[in-house]
Full PDB file with SEQRES, HELIX, SHEET, SSBOND, CRYST1, ORIGX, SCALE, CONECT and MASTER records, all heavy atoms in Angstrom:
SEQRES   1 A   41  LYS LYS GLY ASP ILE PRO ILE TYR THR ALA LEU GLY ASP          
SEQRES   2 A   41  HIS GLN ALA ALA VAL LEU GLY THR TYR ALA SER ASP GLY          
SEQRES   3 A   41  ASP MET PHE ILE ASN ILE GLY THR GLY GLY GLN VAL GLY          
SEQRES   4 A   41  TYR VAL                                                      
HELIX    1 AA1 ASP A   13  THR A   21  1                                   9    
SHEET    1 AA1 2 MET A  28  ILE A  32  0                                        
SHEET    2 AA1 2 GLY A  36  TYR A  40 -1                                        
CRYST1    1.000    1.000    1.000  90.00  90.00  90.00 P 1           1          
ORIGX1      1.000000  0.000000  0.000000        0.00000                         
ORIGX2      0.000000  1.000000  0.000000        0.00000                         
ORIGX3      0.000000  0.000000  1.000000        0.00000                         
SCALE1      1.000000  0.000000  0.000000        0.00000                         
SCALE2      0.000000  1.000000  0.000000        0.00000                         
SCALE3      0.000000  0.000000  1.000000        0.00000                         
ATOM      1  N   LYS A   1      38.817  81.237 122.383  1.00  0.00           N  
ATOM      2  CA  LYS A   1      38.172  82.225 121.437  1.00  0.00           C  
ATOM      3  C   LYS A   1      36.740  82.152 121.526  1.00  0.00           C  
ATOM      4  O   LYS A   1      36.083  83.178 121.229  1.00  0.00           O  
ATOM      5  CB  LYS A   1      38.712  81.960 120.032  1.00  0.00           C  
ATOM      6  CG  LYS A   1      40.125  82.232 119.773  1.00  0.00           C  
ATOM      7  CD  LYS A   1      40.516  81.860 118.366  1.00  0.00           C  
ATOM      8  CE  LYS A   1      42.064  82.180 118.113  1.00  0.00           C  
ATOM      9  NZ  LYS A   1      42.440  81.783 116.672  1.00  0.00           N  
ATOM     10  N   LYS A   2      36.233  81.136 122.039  1.00  0.00           N  
ATOM     11  CA  LYS A   2      34.633  80.910 122.154  1.00  0.00           C  
ATOM     12  C   LYS A   2      34.157  81.223 123.508  1.00  0.00           C  
ATOM     13  O   LYS A   2      33.007  81.131 123.847  1.00  0.00           O  
ATOM     14  CB  LYS A   2      34.325  79.467 121.869  1.00  0.00           C  
ATOM     15  CG  LYS A   2      34.759  78.998 120.318  1.00  0.00           C  
ATOM     16  CD  LYS A   2      33.906  79.795 119.370  1.00  0.00           C  
ATOM     17  CE  LYS A   2      34.205  79.334 117.904  1.00  0.00           C  
ATOM     18  NZ  LYS A   2      33.633  77.991 117.613  1.00  0.00           N  
ATOM     19  N   GLY A   3      35.103  81.736 124.353  1.00  0.00           N  
ATOM     20  CA  GLY A   3      34.663  82.099 125.762  1.00  0.00           C  
ATOM     21  C   GLY A   3      35.442  81.315 126.758  1.00  0.00           C  
ATOM     22  O   GLY A   3      36.176  80.351 126.392  1.00  0.00           O  
ATOM     23  N   ASP A   4      35.204  81.708 128.037  1.00  0.00           N  
ATOM     24  CA  ASP A   4      35.951  81.112 129.120  1.00  0.00           C  
ATOM     25  C   ASP A   4      35.363  79.730 129.351  1.00  0.00           C  
ATOM     26  O   ASP A   4      34.119  79.403 129.381  1.00  0.00           O  
ATOM     27  CB  ASP A   4      35.805  81.791 130.377  1.00  0.00           C  
ATOM     28  CG  ASP A   4      36.711  83.213 130.352  1.00  0.00           C  
ATOM     29  OD1 ASP A   4      37.408  83.328 129.361  1.00  0.00           O  
ATOM     30  OD2 ASP A   4      36.476  84.058 131.236  1.00  0.00           O  
ATOM     31  N   ILE A   5      36.358  78.671 129.506  1.00  0.00           N  
ATOM     32  CA  ILE A   5      35.900  77.220 129.697  1.00  0.00           C  
ATOM     33  C   ILE A   5      36.326  76.786 131.134  1.00  0.00           C  
ATOM     34  O   ILE A   5      37.579  76.949 131.531  1.00  0.00           O  
ATOM     35  CB  ILE A   5      36.592  76.320 128.676  1.00  0.00           C  
ATOM     36  CG1 ILE A   5      36.275  76.798 127.254  1.00  0.00           C  
ATOM     37  CG2 ILE A   5      36.149  74.871 128.833  1.00  0.00           C  
ATOM     38  CD1 ILE A   5      37.088  76.077 126.182  1.00  0.00           C  
ATOM     39  N   PRO A   6      35.504  76.362 132.014  1.00  0.00           N  
ATOM     40  CA  PRO A   6      35.843  75.977 133.343  1.00  0.00           C  
ATOM     41  C   PRO A   6      36.812  74.764 133.294  1.00  0.00           C  
ATOM     42  O   PRO A   6      36.698  73.852 132.465  1.00  0.00           O  
ATOM     43  CB  PRO A   6      34.475  75.557 133.934  1.00  0.00           C  
ATOM     44  CG  PRO A   6      33.414  76.080 133.124  1.00  0.00           C  
ATOM     45  CD  PRO A   6      33.951  76.213 131.690  1.00  0.00           C  
ATOM     46  N   ILE A   7      37.783  74.845 134.260  1.00  0.00           N  
ATOM     47  CA  ILE A   7      38.798  73.764 134.433  1.00  0.00           C  
ATOM     48  C   ILE A   7      38.508  73.171 135.884  1.00  0.00           C  
ATOM     49  O   ILE A   7      38.527  73.945 136.774  1.00  0.00           O  
ATOM     50  CB  ILE A   7      40.191  74.224 134.185  1.00  0.00           C  
ATOM     51  CG1 ILE A   7      40.441  74.678 132.732  1.00  0.00           C  
ATOM     52  CG2 ILE A   7      41.101  73.084 134.511  1.00  0.00           C  
ATOM     53  CD1 ILE A   7      41.837  75.236 132.578  1.00  0.00           C  
ATOM     54  N   TYR A   8      38.494  71.908 136.004  1.00  0.00           N  
ATOM     55  CA  TYR A   8      38.231  71.232 137.229  1.00  0.00           C  
ATOM     56  C   TYR A   8      39.562  70.621 137.730  1.00  0.00           C  
ATOM     57  O   TYR A   8      40.486  70.539 136.948  1.00  0.00           O  
ATOM     58  CB  TYR A   8      37.234  70.211 137.045  1.00  0.00           C  
ATOM     59  CG  TYR A   8      35.808  70.753 136.785  1.00  0.00           C  
ATOM     60  CD1 TYR A   8      35.490  70.968 135.401  1.00  0.00           C  
ATOM     61  CD2 TYR A   8      34.965  71.073 137.702  1.00  0.00           C  
ATOM     62  CE1 TYR A   8      34.207  71.540 135.124  1.00  0.00           C  
ATOM     63  CE2 TYR A   8      33.693  71.611 137.407  1.00  0.00           C  
ATOM     64  CZ  TYR A   8      33.333  71.883 136.060  1.00  0.00           C  
ATOM     65  OH  TYR A   8      32.160  72.361 135.772  1.00  0.00           O  
ATOM     66  N   THR A   9      39.650  70.247 139.062  1.00  0.00           N  
ATOM     67  CA  THR A   9      40.831  69.905 139.596  1.00  0.00           C  
ATOM     68  C   THR A   9      41.312  68.548 138.938  1.00  0.00           C  
ATOM     69  O   THR A   9      40.548  67.608 138.688  1.00  0.00           O  
ATOM     70  CB  THR A   9      40.579  69.523 141.095  1.00  0.00           C  
ATOM     71  OG1 THR A   9      39.975  70.659 141.693  1.00  0.00           O  
ATOM     72  CG2 THR A   9      41.888  69.210 141.789  1.00  0.00           C  
ATOM     73  N   ALA A  10      42.602  68.545 138.519  1.00  0.00           N  
ATOM     74  CA  ALA A  10      43.123  67.396 137.816  1.00  0.00           C  
ATOM     75  C   ALA A  10      43.188  66.170 138.804  1.00  0.00           C  
ATOM     76  O   ALA A  10      43.582  66.278 139.939  1.00  0.00           O  
ATOM     77  CB  ALA A  10      44.555  67.769 137.234  1.00  0.00           C  
ATOM     78  N   LEU A  11      43.033  64.959 138.061  1.00  0.00           N  
ATOM     79  CA  LEU A  11      43.043  63.786 138.857  1.00  0.00           C  
ATOM     80  C   LEU A  11      44.318  62.996 138.492  1.00  0.00           C  
ATOM     81  O   LEU A  11      44.938  63.081 137.453  1.00  0.00           O  
ATOM     82  CB  LEU A  11      41.865  62.830 138.527  1.00  0.00           C  
ATOM     83  CG  LEU A  11      40.540  63.430 138.629  1.00  0.00           C  
ATOM     84  CD1 LEU A  11      39.410  62.368 138.204  1.00  0.00           C  
ATOM     85  CD2 LEU A  11      40.229  63.885 140.111  1.00  0.00           C  
ATOM     86  N   GLY A  12      44.795  62.096 139.472  1.00  0.00           N  
ATOM     87  CA  GLY A  12      45.838  61.240 139.145  1.00  0.00           C  
ATOM     88  C   GLY A  12      45.421  60.159 138.223  1.00  0.00           C  
ATOM     89  O   GLY A  12      44.278  59.742 138.287  1.00  0.00           O  
ATOM     90  N   ASP A  13      46.362  59.828 137.231  1.00  0.00           N  
ATOM     91  CA  ASP A  13      45.830  58.957 136.168  1.00  0.00           C  
ATOM     92  C   ASP A  13      45.481  57.536 136.593  1.00  0.00           C  
ATOM     93  O   ASP A  13      44.592  56.893 136.115  1.00  0.00           O  
ATOM     94  CB  ASP A  13      46.975  58.872 135.083  1.00  0.00           C  
ATOM     95  CG  ASP A  13      48.315  58.526 135.544  1.00  0.00           C  
ATOM     96  OD1 ASP A  13      48.515  58.201 136.714  1.00  0.00           O  
ATOM     97  OD2 ASP A  13      49.279  58.372 134.761  1.00  0.00           O  
ATOM     98  N   HIS A  14      46.177  57.065 137.613  1.00  0.00           N  
ATOM     99  CA  HIS A  14      45.877  55.759 138.157  1.00  0.00           C  
ATOM    100  C   HIS A  14      44.536  55.702 138.780  1.00  0.00           C  
ATOM    101  O   HIS A  14      43.618  54.814 138.409  1.00  0.00           O  
ATOM    102  CB  HIS A  14      46.842  55.313 139.260  1.00  0.00           C  
ATOM    103  CG  HIS A  14      46.621  53.967 139.874  1.00  0.00           C  
ATOM    104  ND1 HIS A  14      46.515  53.776 141.168  1.00  0.00           N  
ATOM    105  CD2 HIS A  14      46.225  52.754 139.342  1.00  0.00           C  
ATOM    106  CE1 HIS A  14      46.251  52.458 141.495  1.00  0.00           C  
ATOM    107  NE2 HIS A  14      46.053  51.855 140.331  1.00  0.00           N  
ATOM    108  N   GLN A  15      44.129  56.656 139.557  1.00  0.00           N  
ATOM    109  CA  GLN A  15      42.825  56.647 140.297  1.00  0.00           C  
ATOM    110  C   GLN A  15      41.660  56.946 139.203  1.00  0.00           C  
ATOM    111  O   GLN A  15      40.560  56.489 139.330  1.00  0.00           O  
ATOM    112  CB  GLN A  15      42.816  57.689 141.396  1.00  0.00           C  
ATOM    113  CG  GLN A  15      43.595  57.264 142.589  1.00  0.00           C  
ATOM    114  CD  GLN A  15      44.998  57.736 142.524  1.00  0.00           C  
ATOM    115  OE1 GLN A  15      45.611  57.876 141.422  1.00  0.00           O  
ATOM    116  NE2 GLN A  15      45.646  57.924 143.757  1.00  0.00           N  
ATOM    117  N   ALA A  16      41.953  57.800 138.138  1.00  0.00           N  
ATOM    118  CA  ALA A  16      40.994  58.085 137.148  1.00  0.00           C  
ATOM    119  C   ALA A  16      40.648  56.747 136.471  1.00  0.00           C  
ATOM    120  O   ALA A  16      39.493  56.467 136.111  1.00  0.00           O  
ATOM    121  CB  ALA A  16      41.510  59.159 136.184  1.00  0.00           C  
ATOM    122  N   ALA A  17      41.699  56.010 136.086  1.00  0.00           N  
ATOM    123  CA  ALA A  17      41.426  54.722 135.451  1.00  0.00           C  
ATOM    124  C   ALA A  17      40.679  53.739 136.253  1.00  0.00           C  
ATOM    125  O   ALA A  17      39.805  52.982 135.762  1.00  0.00           O  
ATOM    126  CB  ALA A  17      42.899  54.107 135.031  1.00  0.00           C  
ATOM    127  N   VAL A  18      40.973  53.583 137.561  1.00  0.00           N  
ATOM    128  CA  VAL A  18      40.234  52.733 138.441  1.00  0.00           C  
ATOM    129  C   VAL A  18      38.778  53.153 138.520  1.00  0.00           C  
ATOM    130  O   VAL A  18      38.004  52.277 138.510  1.00  0.00           O  
ATOM    131  CB  VAL A  18      40.994  52.647 139.855  1.00  0.00           C  
ATOM    132  CG1 VAL A  18      40.111  51.739 140.799  1.00  0.00           C  
ATOM    133  CG2 VAL A  18      42.297  52.097 139.738  1.00  0.00           C  
ATOM    134  N   LEU A  19      38.541  54.430 138.580  1.00  0.00           N  
ATOM    135  CA  LEU A  19      37.179  54.934 138.679  1.00  0.00           C  
ATOM    136  C   LEU A  19      36.412  54.531 137.338  1.00  0.00           C  
ATOM    137  O   LEU A  19      35.233  54.126 137.403  1.00  0.00           O  
ATOM    138  CB  LEU A  19      37.179  56.435 138.683  1.00  0.00           C  
ATOM    139  CG  LEU A  19      35.828  57.050 138.942  1.00  0.00           C  
ATOM    140  CD1 LEU A  19      35.251  56.733 140.269  1.00  0.00           C  
ATOM    141  CD2 LEU A  19      35.970  58.690 138.774  1.00  0.00           C  
ATOM    142  N   GLY A  20      37.173  54.467 136.274  1.00  0.00           N  
ATOM    143  CA  GLY A  20      36.599  54.080 135.018  1.00  0.00           C  
ATOM    144  C   GLY A  20      36.287  52.578 134.854  1.00  0.00           C  
ATOM    145  O   GLY A  20      35.518  52.117 133.949  1.00  0.00           O  
ATOM    146  N   THR A  21      36.869  51.759 135.748  1.00  0.00           N  
ATOM    147  CA  THR A  21      36.584  50.329 135.754  1.00  0.00           C  
ATOM    148  C   THR A  21      35.242  50.044 136.436  1.00  0.00           C  
ATOM    149  O   THR A  21      34.845  48.888 136.362  1.00  0.00           O  
ATOM    150  CB  THR A  21      37.732  49.537 136.346  1.00  0.00           C  
ATOM    151  OG1 THR A  21      37.710  49.798 137.829  1.00  0.00           O  
ATOM    152  CG2 THR A  21      39.048  49.828 135.827  1.00  0.00           C  
ATOM    153  N   TYR A  22      34.705  51.049 137.167  1.00  0.00           N  
ATOM    154  CA  TYR A  22      33.490  50.751 138.030  1.00  0.00           C  
ATOM    155  C   TYR A  22      33.854  49.859 139.215  1.00  0.00           C  
ATOM    156  O   TYR A  22      32.940  49.212 139.790  1.00  0.00           O  
ATOM    157  CB  TYR A  22      32.323  50.277 137.304  1.00  0.00           C  
ATOM    158  CG  TYR A  22      31.584  51.318 136.547  1.00  0.00           C  
ATOM    159  CD1 TYR A  22      32.056  51.827 135.245  1.00  0.00           C  
ATOM    160  CD2 TYR A  22      30.558  52.004 137.107  1.00  0.00           C  
ATOM    161  CE1 TYR A  22      31.377  52.878 134.692  1.00  0.00           C  
ATOM    162  CE2 TYR A  22      29.785  53.024 136.501  1.00  0.00           C  
ATOM    163  CZ  TYR A  22      30.291  53.469 135.244  1.00  0.00           C  
ATOM    164  OH  TYR A  22      29.663  54.521 134.624  1.00  0.00           O  
ATOM    165  N   ALA A  23      35.148  49.694 139.617  1.00  0.00           N  
ATOM    166  CA  ALA A  23      35.439  48.998 140.808  1.00  0.00           C  
ATOM    167  C   ALA A  23      34.882  49.825 142.035  1.00  0.00           C  
ATOM    168  O   ALA A  23      34.952  51.047 142.079  1.00  0.00           O  
ATOM    169  CB  ALA A  23      36.946  48.823 140.957  1.00  0.00           C  
ATOM    170  N   SER A  24      34.253  49.117 142.872  1.00  0.00           N  
ATOM    171  CA  SER A  24      33.541  49.732 144.095  1.00  0.00           C  
ATOM    172  C   SER A  24      34.079  49.144 145.325  1.00  0.00           C  
ATOM    173  O   SER A  24      34.939  48.244 145.412  1.00  0.00           O  
ATOM    174  CB  SER A  24      32.094  49.595 143.986  1.00  0.00           C  
ATOM    175  OG  SER A  24      31.382  50.550 144.851  1.00  0.00           O  
ATOM    176  N   ASP A  25      33.417  49.561 146.402  1.00  0.00           N  
ATOM    177  CA  ASP A  25      33.848  49.094 147.768  1.00  0.00           C  
ATOM    178  C   ASP A  25      33.950  47.678 147.866  1.00  0.00           C  
ATOM    179  O   ASP A  25      33.102  46.867 147.573  1.00  0.00           O  
ATOM    180  CB  ASP A  25      32.922  49.631 148.856  1.00  0.00           C  
ATOM    181  CG  ASP A  25      32.795  51.127 148.878  1.00  0.00           C  
ATOM    182  OD1 ASP A  25      33.636  51.829 148.248  1.00  0.00           O  
ATOM    183  OD2 ASP A  25      31.891  51.593 149.542  1.00  0.00           O  
ATOM    184  N   GLY A  26      35.206  47.190 148.316  1.00  0.00           N  
ATOM    185  CA  GLY A  26      35.441  45.701 148.578  1.00  0.00           C  
ATOM    186  C   GLY A  26      35.757  44.955 147.260  1.00  0.00           C  
ATOM    187  O   GLY A  26      36.007  43.767 147.353  1.00  0.00           O  
ATOM    188  N   ASP A  27      35.963  45.676 146.162  1.00  0.00           N  
ATOM    189  CA  ASP A  27      36.319  45.041 144.936  1.00  0.00           C  
ATOM    190  C   ASP A  27      37.841  44.877 144.824  1.00  0.00           C  
ATOM    191  O   ASP A  27      38.558  45.849 145.214  1.00  0.00           O  
ATOM    192  CB  ASP A  27      35.815  45.692 143.697  1.00  0.00           C  
ATOM    193  CG  ASP A  27      34.390  45.412 143.331  1.00  0.00           C  
ATOM    194  OD1 ASP A  27      33.941  44.385 143.674  1.00  0.00           O  
ATOM    195  OD2 ASP A  27      33.766  46.183 142.670  1.00  0.00           O  
ATOM    196  N   MET A  28      38.386  43.780 144.327  1.00  0.00           N  
ATOM    197  CA  MET A  28      39.730  43.699 143.770  1.00  0.00           C  
ATOM    198  C   MET A  28      39.705  44.211 142.360  1.00  0.00           C  
ATOM    199  O   MET A  28      38.724  43.984 141.626  1.00  0.00           O  
ATOM    200  CB  MET A  28      40.215  42.249 143.822  1.00  0.00           C  
ATOM    201  CG  MET A  28      40.592  41.825 145.206  1.00  0.00           C  
ATOM    202  SD  MET A  28      42.183  42.439 145.830  1.00  0.00           S  
ATOM    203  CE  MET A  28      42.265  41.726 147.464  1.00  0.00           C  
ATOM    204  N   PHE A  29      40.827  44.852 141.909  1.00  0.00           N  
ATOM    205  CA  PHE A  29      40.832  45.144 140.561  1.00  0.00           C  
ATOM    206  C   PHE A  29      42.340  44.784 140.074  1.00  0.00           C  
ATOM    207  O   PHE A  29      43.285  44.872 140.776  1.00  0.00           O  
ATOM    208  CB  PHE A  29      40.564  46.703 140.210  1.00  0.00           C  
ATOM    209  CG  PHE A  29      41.619  47.631 140.936  1.00  0.00           C  
ATOM    210  CD1 PHE A  29      42.783  47.997 140.310  1.00  0.00           C  
ATOM    211  CD2 PHE A  29      41.252  48.185 142.087  1.00  0.00           C  
ATOM    212  CE1 PHE A  29      43.610  48.859 140.800  1.00  0.00           C  
ATOM    213  CE2 PHE A  29      42.110  49.072 142.762  1.00  0.00           C  
ATOM    214  CZ  PHE A  29      43.351  49.455 142.138  1.00  0.00           C  
ATOM    215  N   ILE A  30      42.350  44.242 138.798  1.00  0.00           N  
ATOM    216  CA  ILE A  30      43.653  43.840 138.231  1.00  0.00           C  
ATOM    217  C   ILE A  30      43.799  44.579 136.888  1.00  0.00           C  
ATOM    218  O   ILE A  30      42.882  44.553 136.098  1.00  0.00           O  
ATOM    219  CB  ILE A  30      43.590  42.344 138.055  1.00  0.00           C  
ATOM    220  CG1 ILE A  30      43.681  41.577 139.358  1.00  0.00           C  
ATOM    221  CG2 ILE A  30      44.763  41.893 137.157  1.00  0.00           C  
ATOM    222  CD1 ILE A  30      43.469  40.085 139.230  1.00  0.00           C  
ATOM    223  N   ASN A  31      45.001  45.194 136.736  1.00  0.00           N  
ATOM    224  CA  ASN A  31      45.246  45.817 135.502  1.00  0.00           C  
ATOM    225  C   ASN A  31      46.473  45.164 134.930  1.00  0.00           C  
ATOM    226  O   ASN A  31      47.588  45.106 135.525  1.00  0.00           O  
ATOM    227  CB  ASN A  31      45.498  47.412 135.745  1.00  0.00           C  
ATOM    228  CG  ASN A  31      46.050  48.051 134.425  1.00  0.00           C  
ATOM    229  OD1 ASN A  31      45.528  47.683 133.371  1.00  0.00           O  
ATOM    230  ND2 ASN A  31      46.886  49.007 134.584  1.00  0.00           N  
ATOM    231  N   ILE A  32      46.310  44.608 133.749  1.00  0.00           N  
ATOM    232  CA  ILE A  32      47.526  43.872 133.109  1.00  0.00           C  
ATOM    233  C   ILE A  32      47.732  44.458 131.707  1.00  0.00           C  
ATOM    234  O   ILE A  32      46.923  44.143 130.779  1.00  0.00           O  
ATOM    235  CB  ILE A  32      47.338  42.394 132.981  1.00  0.00           C  
ATOM    236  CG1 ILE A  32      46.969  41.787 134.361  1.00  0.00           C  
ATOM    237  CG2 ILE A  32      48.704  41.772 132.498  1.00  0.00           C  
ATOM    238  CD1 ILE A  32      46.724  40.243 134.344  1.00  0.00           C  
ATOM    239  N   GLY A  33      48.594  45.399 131.621  1.00  0.00           N  
ATOM    240  CA  GLY A  33      48.997  45.991 130.341  1.00  0.00           C  
ATOM    241  C   GLY A  33      50.411  45.863 130.199  1.00  0.00           C  
ATOM    242  O   GLY A  33      51.039  44.814 130.402  1.00  0.00           O  
ATOM    243  N   THR A  34      51.109  46.983 129.697  1.00  0.00           N  
ATOM    244  CA  THR A  34      52.623  46.861 129.726  1.00  0.00           C  
ATOM    245  C   THR A  34      53.126  46.681 131.181  1.00  0.00           C  
ATOM    246  O   THR A  34      54.153  45.982 131.321  1.00  0.00           O  
ATOM    247  CB  THR A  34      53.131  48.232 129.237  1.00  0.00           C  
ATOM    248  OG1 THR A  34      52.592  48.468 128.007  1.00  0.00           O  
ATOM    249  CG2 THR A  34      54.662  48.239 129.115  1.00  0.00           C  
ATOM    250  N   GLY A  35      52.522  47.269 132.194  1.00  0.00           N  
ATOM    251  CA  GLY A  35      52.776  46.958 133.615  1.00  0.00           C  
ATOM    252  C   GLY A  35      51.586  46.267 134.186  1.00  0.00           C  
ATOM    253  O   GLY A  35      50.574  46.022 133.532  1.00  0.00           O  
ATOM    254  N   GLY A  36      51.889  45.849 135.429  1.00  0.00           N  
ATOM    255  CA  GLY A  36      50.834  44.971 136.083  1.00  0.00           C  
ATOM    256  C   GLY A  36      50.540  45.515 137.541  1.00  0.00           C  
ATOM    257  O   GLY A  36      51.517  45.899 138.199  1.00  0.00           O  
ATOM    258  N   GLN A  37      49.288  45.590 137.947  1.00  0.00           N  
ATOM    259  CA  GLN A  37      48.859  46.145 139.279  1.00  0.00           C  
ATOM    260  C   GLN A  37      47.787  45.258 139.703  1.00  0.00           C  
ATOM    261  O   GLN A  37      46.878  44.792 138.975  1.00  0.00           O  
ATOM    262  CB  GLN A  37      48.432  47.555 139.144  1.00  0.00           C  
ATOM    263  CG  GLN A  37      49.445  48.550 138.602  1.00  0.00           C  
ATOM    264  CD  GLN A  37      48.783  49.815 138.211  1.00  0.00           C  
ATOM    265  OE1 GLN A  37      47.457  49.969 138.035  1.00  0.00           O  
ATOM    266  NE2 GLN A  37      49.574  50.865 138.029  1.00  0.00           N  
ATOM    267  N   VAL A  38      47.716  45.083 141.020  1.00  0.00           N  
ATOM    268  CA  VAL A  38      46.523  44.514 141.735  1.00  0.00           C  
ATOM    269  C   VAL A  38      46.138  45.450 142.834  1.00  0.00           C  
ATOM    270  O   VAL A  38      47.038  46.023 143.508  1.00  0.00           O  
ATOM    271  CB  VAL A  38      46.742  43.067 142.258  1.00  0.00           C  
ATOM    272  CG1 VAL A  38      47.834  42.998 143.297  1.00  0.00           C  
ATOM    273  CG2 VAL A  38      45.448  42.560 142.788  1.00  0.00           C  
ATOM    274  N   GLY A  39      44.814  45.771 143.031  1.00  0.00           N  
ATOM    275  CA  GLY A  39      44.482  46.713 143.984  1.00  0.00           C  
ATOM    276  C   GLY A  39      43.190  46.311 144.673  1.00  0.00           C  
ATOM    277  O   GLY A  39      42.492  45.409 144.187  1.00  0.00           O  
ATOM    278  N   TYR A  40      42.892  47.037 145.767  1.00  0.00           N  
ATOM    279  CA  TYR A  40      41.561  46.740 146.523  1.00  0.00           C  
ATOM    280  C   TYR A  40      41.010  48.118 146.836  1.00  0.00           C  
ATOM    281  O   TYR A  40      41.753  49.005 147.387  1.00  0.00           O  
ATOM    282  CB  TYR A  40      42.037  45.978 147.815  1.00  0.00           C  
ATOM    283  CG  TYR A  40      40.802  45.747 148.789  1.00  0.00           C  
ATOM    284  CD1 TYR A  40      39.915  44.736 148.464  1.00  0.00           C  
ATOM    285  CD2 TYR A  40      40.629  46.516 149.935  1.00  0.00           C  
ATOM    286  CE1 TYR A  40      38.773  44.448 149.386  1.00  0.00           C  
ATOM    287  CE2 TYR A  40      39.652  46.227 150.853  1.00  0.00           C  
ATOM    288  CZ  TYR A  40      38.751  45.223 150.519  1.00  0.00           C  
ATOM    289  OH  TYR A  40      37.672  44.953 151.405  1.00  0.00           O  
ATOM    290  N   VAL A  41      39.731  48.256 146.629  1.00  0.00           N  
ATOM    291  CA  VAL A  41      38.985  49.514 146.978  1.00  0.00           C  
ATOM    292  C   VAL A  41      38.502  49.397 148.340  1.00  0.00           C  
ATOM    293  O   VAL A  41      37.673  48.602 148.778  1.00  0.00           O  
ATOM    294  CB  VAL A  41      37.895  49.737 146.031  1.00  0.00           C  
ATOM    295  CG1 VAL A  41      37.106  51.074 146.428  1.00  0.00           C  
ATOM    296  CG2 VAL A  41      38.439  49.868 144.564  1.00  0.00           C  
TER     297      VAL A  41                                                      
MASTER        0    0    0    1    2    0    0    6  296    1    0    4          
END                                                                             
């Protein structure tokens, strides 16, 4: 109602979350919540 709002390409939730950790090239990242993951950028 306030005008057209741009929509950008949707991201996968896993990669969006890793981006939010500020993990960068050569970093390991560990996510331990309900599930568990270890990854390498």
